Structures are given as C-alpha cells and as structure tokens.
Protein backbone atom coordinates (compact mmCIF):
# COMPACT_ATOMS: atom_id res chain seq x y z
CA MET A 1 34.59 -16.82 -54.65
CA ARG A 2 38.07 -15.83 -53.66
CA ILE A 3 39.58 -15.17 -50.27
CA ARG A 4 42.99 -13.66 -49.65
CA LEU A 5 44.98 -12.36 -46.73
CA ILE A 6 45.56 -8.63 -46.78
CA ASN A 7 48.60 -9.02 -44.52
CA LYS A 8 51.80 -10.01 -46.32
CA ASN A 9 53.17 -11.72 -43.22
CA PRO A 10 50.35 -12.37 -40.72
CA LEU A 11 52.52 -14.17 -38.19
CA TYR A 12 54.97 -11.28 -38.04
CA ASP A 13 52.17 -8.67 -37.88
CA TYR A 14 50.45 -10.57 -35.08
CA ARG A 15 53.64 -11.12 -33.08
CA GLU A 16 54.57 -7.45 -33.55
CA ALA A 17 51.18 -6.37 -32.15
CA CYS A 18 51.52 -8.79 -29.22
CA LYS A 19 55.06 -7.67 -28.43
CA ILE A 20 54.08 -4.00 -28.57
CA THR A 21 51.56 -4.70 -25.79
CA GLN A 22 54.56 -5.99 -23.81
CA GLY A 23 56.63 -2.91 -24.59
CA ILE A 24 58.89 -4.71 -27.09
CA ASP A 25 59.50 -3.39 -30.62
CA LEU A 26 60.15 -6.18 -33.16
CA TRP A 27 61.19 -3.64 -35.78
CA GLN A 28 64.69 -3.90 -34.31
CA ASP A 29 64.80 -7.57 -35.46
CA LEU A 30 63.96 -7.52 -39.16
CA ASP A 31 65.21 -11.08 -39.73
CA LEU A 32 61.81 -12.74 -40.14
CA ASN A 33 63.43 -16.18 -39.87
CA LYS A 34 64.14 -15.46 -36.23
CA ILE A 35 60.48 -14.68 -35.51
CA PHE A 36 58.57 -17.35 -33.60
CA LYS A 37 57.35 -20.20 -35.83
CA PRO A 38 54.71 -22.46 -34.26
CA LYS A 39 54.98 -26.23 -34.66
CA ASP A 40 51.47 -26.41 -36.17
CA GLU A 41 50.46 -22.99 -37.45
CA VAL A 42 46.76 -23.85 -37.93
CA GLU A 43 46.48 -25.01 -34.31
CA PHE A 44 48.35 -21.90 -33.18
CA TRP A 45 45.90 -19.65 -35.04
CA ILE A 46 42.86 -21.54 -33.74
CA LYS A 47 44.04 -20.88 -30.17
CA GLN A 48 44.57 -17.18 -30.93
CA ILE A 49 41.22 -16.78 -32.70
CA VAL A 50 39.28 -18.45 -29.87
CA ALA A 51 41.10 -16.35 -27.24
CA ASN A 52 40.11 -13.30 -29.33
CA HIS A 53 42.50 -10.78 -27.81
CA SER A 54 42.63 -7.38 -29.50
CA THR A 55 45.93 -8.16 -31.23
CA ILE A 56 44.25 -10.78 -33.47
CA ARG A 57 42.52 -7.87 -35.21
CA SER A 58 45.90 -6.90 -36.71
CA ILE A 59 45.22 -9.56 -39.37
CA ARG A 60 42.62 -8.97 -42.07
CA PHE A 61 41.41 -10.87 -45.09
CA ARG A 62 39.22 -10.03 -48.07
CA LEU A 63 36.41 -12.19 -49.39
CA VAL A 64 35.15 -11.42 -52.92
CA ASP A 65 32.11 -13.12 -54.40
CA GLU A 66 29.03 -12.64 -56.56
CA ARG A 67 25.73 -13.67 -54.95
CA PRO A 68 22.01 -12.80 -54.97
CA LYS A 69 21.33 -9.29 -53.68
CA SER A 70 19.02 -10.60 -50.92
CA SER A 71 21.82 -12.73 -49.46
CA VAL A 72 24.47 -10.04 -49.90
CA MET A 73 22.30 -7.68 -47.86
CA GLN A 74 22.04 -10.26 -45.05
CA LEU A 75 25.80 -10.77 -45.07
CA ILE A 76 26.74 -7.09 -44.96
CA ARG A 77 24.23 -6.41 -42.16
CA ALA A 78 26.21 -8.76 -39.88
CA THR A 79 28.41 -5.99 -38.47
CA LYS A 80 29.85 -7.43 -35.24
CA GLY A 81 33.61 -6.97 -35.25
CA HIS A 82 33.24 -4.21 -37.88
CA PRO A 83 33.80 -5.92 -41.25
CA GLN A 84 34.10 -3.49 -44.15
CA PRO A 85 31.73 -4.24 -47.05
CA PHE A 86 32.00 -3.14 -50.67
CA VAL A 87 28.97 -3.84 -52.90
CA GLN A 88 28.37 -3.36 -56.63
CA SER A 89 26.31 -0.23 -57.19
CA SER A 90 22.91 -0.25 -58.89
CA ARG A 91 23.15 3.43 -59.84
CA PRO A 92 22.07 3.93 -63.47
CA ASP A 93 24.72 6.64 -63.94
CA TRP A 94 27.40 4.10 -62.98
CA ASN A 95 26.24 1.08 -64.97
CA GLY A 96 25.57 2.35 -68.48
CA GLY A 97 22.03 3.55 -67.81
CA LYS A 98 20.61 0.21 -66.64
CA GLU A 99 17.73 0.93 -64.25
CA ARG A 100 17.80 -0.45 -60.73
CA SER A 101 16.40 -3.96 -60.62
CA ALA A 102 13.54 -4.96 -58.33
CA ASN A 103 14.78 -8.56 -58.52
CA PRO A 104 16.06 -9.54 -55.03
CA TYR A 105 17.91 -12.52 -56.57
CA GLU A 106 19.92 -10.49 -59.06
CA ASP A 107 23.61 -11.33 -58.59
CA LYS A 108 25.74 -8.56 -57.13
CA LEU A 109 29.49 -8.46 -56.88
CA PHE A 110 30.62 -7.75 -53.33
CA ALA A 111 33.64 -7.89 -51.10
CA GLN A 112 34.12 -7.80 -47.36
CA ASP A 113 37.28 -7.14 -45.41
CA HIS A 114 37.17 -9.24 -42.26
CA THR A 115 39.13 -9.96 -39.16
CA ALA A 116 38.85 -13.46 -37.68
CA GLU A 117 36.56 -11.94 -35.05
CA SER A 118 34.17 -10.33 -37.53
CA PHE A 119 33.91 -13.45 -39.70
CA VAL A 120 33.38 -15.81 -36.74
CA GLU A 121 30.74 -13.43 -35.34
CA MET A 122 28.98 -13.31 -38.70
CA CYS A 123 28.97 -17.11 -38.76
CA LYS A 124 27.46 -17.28 -35.26
CA GLN A 125 24.45 -15.51 -36.78
CA ARG A 126 24.39 -16.68 -40.39
CA LEU A 127 25.08 -20.38 -39.75
CA CYS A 128 22.04 -20.51 -37.46
CA VAL A 129 19.29 -22.82 -38.75
CA ARG A 130 16.90 -19.86 -38.50
CA THR A 131 18.87 -17.96 -41.16
CA GLU A 132 17.34 -17.97 -44.63
CA GLU A 133 18.50 -21.25 -46.19
CA ARG A 134 19.98 -19.60 -49.32
CA THR A 135 22.16 -17.32 -47.21
CA ARG A 136 23.13 -20.06 -44.75
CA LYS A 137 24.30 -22.26 -47.66
CA ILE A 138 26.44 -19.39 -49.00
CA VAL A 139 28.09 -18.97 -45.60
CA GLU A 140 28.65 -22.73 -45.38
CA GLU A 141 30.43 -22.54 -48.78
CA MET A 142 32.58 -19.67 -47.48
CA VAL A 143 33.52 -21.66 -44.38
CA GLU A 144 34.48 -24.68 -46.52
CA ALA A 145 36.59 -22.44 -48.78
CA LEU A 146 38.41 -21.15 -45.70
CA LYS A 147 38.99 -24.69 -44.39
CA ASP A 148 40.40 -25.69 -47.79
CA SER A 149 42.82 -22.74 -47.89
CA ASP A 150 46.57 -23.29 -48.05
CA GLU A 151 46.97 -20.26 -45.77
CA PRO A 152 47.15 -21.49 -42.11
CA PHE A 153 45.40 -18.38 -40.75
CA LEU A 154 42.47 -18.68 -43.17
CA LYS A 155 42.17 -22.42 -42.54
CA ALA A 156 42.03 -21.74 -38.78
CA VAL A 157 39.30 -19.13 -39.25
CA GLY A 158 37.24 -21.71 -41.14
CA TYR A 159 37.54 -24.25 -38.34
CA CYS A 160 36.37 -21.67 -35.79
CA CYS A 161 33.11 -20.96 -37.64
CA HIS A 162 29.99 -22.35 -35.94
CA PRO A 163 26.54 -21.03 -35.01
CA PHE A 164 26.05 -19.29 -31.67
CA CYS A 165 24.43 -22.36 -30.08
CA TRP A 166 27.51 -24.49 -30.84
CA TRP A 167 29.73 -22.02 -28.98
CA TYR A 168 27.49 -21.43 -25.96
CA LYS A 169 25.30 -24.57 -25.83
CA SER A 170 22.24 -22.37 -25.60
CA CYS A 171 20.11 -20.37 -28.02
CA PRO A 172 20.03 -16.54 -28.03
CA GLU A 173 17.06 -16.33 -30.42
CA ALA A 174 13.57 -15.35 -29.27
CA ARG A 175 12.27 -18.25 -31.38
CA GLY A 176 14.95 -20.88 -31.71
CA CYS A 177 15.12 -23.91 -33.97
CA GLY A 178 14.82 -26.35 -31.06
CA MET A 179 18.38 -27.72 -31.26
CA TYR A 180 18.98 -26.42 -27.73
CA ASN A 181 16.01 -26.24 -25.37
CA ASN A 182 17.81 -23.92 -22.97
CA LYS A 183 17.52 -20.30 -23.99
CA THR A 184 20.21 -17.78 -23.12
CA THR A 185 17.54 -15.26 -22.13
CA ASP A 186 15.85 -17.78 -19.77
CA SER A 187 19.03 -18.00 -17.67
CA ILE A 188 19.35 -14.21 -17.48
CA ILE A 189 15.65 -13.71 -16.67
CA LYS A 190 15.91 -16.39 -13.96
CA ASP A 191 18.77 -14.45 -12.32
CA TYR A 192 16.79 -11.22 -12.65
CA ARG A 193 13.68 -12.72 -11.03
CA GLU A 194 15.73 -14.17 -8.18
CA ASP A 195 17.27 -10.75 -7.54
CA ILE A 196 13.99 -8.81 -7.50
CA CYS A 197 12.37 -11.36 -5.18
CA GLN A 198 15.03 -10.83 -2.49
C-alpha cells in the first residue's frame, strides 16, 4: 500500500482557497516562506478536517493498493465526498487473453483519489463493526498507514477516521452492532410522531 499527496504544497493550496473566499489573491505573494505556518501542523489539519469547510477539498491524496476484489468493490462503492476510483480491468483483451475470474478473493490493483472528507466518510461506513471483517481490517490498515505518515495532512486524516457511531454517539444502521443502543432513526421518528400528534 502506498499513499501520497497529490498537492505539492497542501498548506499553500489550502490557504489560497481560503483567502480566495475572502477576496484575497495569494498569487501576489509567491514567497511561500511568508505563508502562514501553524505551530503544530497535524493539529491544524485535524481542526480543518473536522470543520469540513469546502476549501479543505482543495487537497487530494492517492491511495494505491492490491486487495481482494470483494473488498475493493466495497471500498469503491463508498462514494460520499466523491472519491475517484481506478481499478485493474478484468477484460481479456487487456490482460493477455486471461478470462475473467469468478474468484471474489482474486487480488486486484486499485487506486482511489480522496479528499479528507471522502476518506473520513468512507471510514464512517467501512470501520463499522457491521462491515465485512476482511474489508474492515483493510480500512484499519489504511488508517494506521495514514497515522504513520510523515506528511502532517495525511497523519491528520488518519486521526480523524472513526466509525459513524464514534462521531455521533448513535447508530444509523437499521440493525446495529449494539455498541450504541440509541438509534439515529429512533430520534428522528420520535420527532416525527410528536409532530403528527399535535
């Protein structure tokens, strides 16, 4: 597995996007040493990722790995935040005439371009205990790889990755794992019932 930033200078790109929303063009100040440098860059990025303003989407990273087809399909179907997947083809005319395999555990090379938002959203789903164990373990490995990164932005993304229930202290699933007894839908249905009874 490898993970790399697509942005050459994520801090500059992010600050440029933020300043543009304020009507300020950083292009006039090309001395990158004068650009804001946070005291602790990982903490800075964690705050920005959790706030999840649109400007954080100016930073993208690519994850490349080879995993069982069944898990790759679960990963690329997590589309919140619009990650861009790239998956090894099974077309016989592209792979030397090898017929498509019916083996769901055949390893496939794949890549995904993510924003912090899209990766965190995928983790809200795929770190859930109800996720197939094989896939959940793969996502846990990805999160650990991010946490171990030397890149402050990637490290921050890793520390922001938790299942939905961790973020909201309730479960959105129709059949949860039991970690949280309160269901997100129960609260909404309670409000609905109170409104229709008035």
